[in-house]
Amino acid sequence: MENYFNEFNEERDIDPLLKLPILHYQLEAIHPFWDWNGRTWRILVILYLVLHNKLDLPILFLSDFINQNKKDYYSYLRWIDFWAKNSIKDFTLWLLLWIEIQALDTNITIVEIWNLMEKLKFNIKSDKELHKIYSHELIDYLFMSPFYSISN
C-alpha cells in the first residue's frame, strides 16, 4: 500500500489526485484510531499532495469543508462499503471538489494574512515612536514563525 501511494511513474500510473480517494478510504477502512482518523487523514493528504508536487508548500486547511459536510462525507464512505454503483467515482469527484474549495479558501486566508502583515509594517513605520524600533526582519519573523521561545 505504501509503495502504491508514494511512488509515481507518470507513464504507467494514474494521477495521484485520482489515487487520493482510495488512500483515504483505505485509511478509514482500517480505522487505526478511534477519534483521530480525520486528523490523520488531513495531515496525510497534505503530505501526499506535496510529495506528488500538487502543492508547493504544506499549506492547505481541509477542516472547514469536512466539518460542514460530515453527513455527505459519511454517506459517500457507506456507499463505497456497500459497493454502490459509481460510489468511488462520486466520492472522487466530491473529494476533489472539497480540495478545490479548501484551496481557494486557503488562498484567501494567505492573502489576508499577507495584507495584515503589510498593514502592520505601514502602521509601525508611520508611528513616530515605533518607527525608531521598526525592523522589517522582526515583522517578517513574527508572521513566519508561529512559535517563539526566549532564545528566539
Foldseek 3Di string as FASTA:
>chain_A
DCCLQQDDDPVPDDQSLLCLLVVLLVLVVVCPDDPCSVVVSLQVVLVSCCSRVVDVDSQWDQPPVCVVVVVVVVVLSVCVVVVPPCSSVVSSVVVVVSRVVRVVVRVVVVVVLVVVLVVVLVVQCPDPVSVVVDDPVVSVCPSPDVDDDPVD
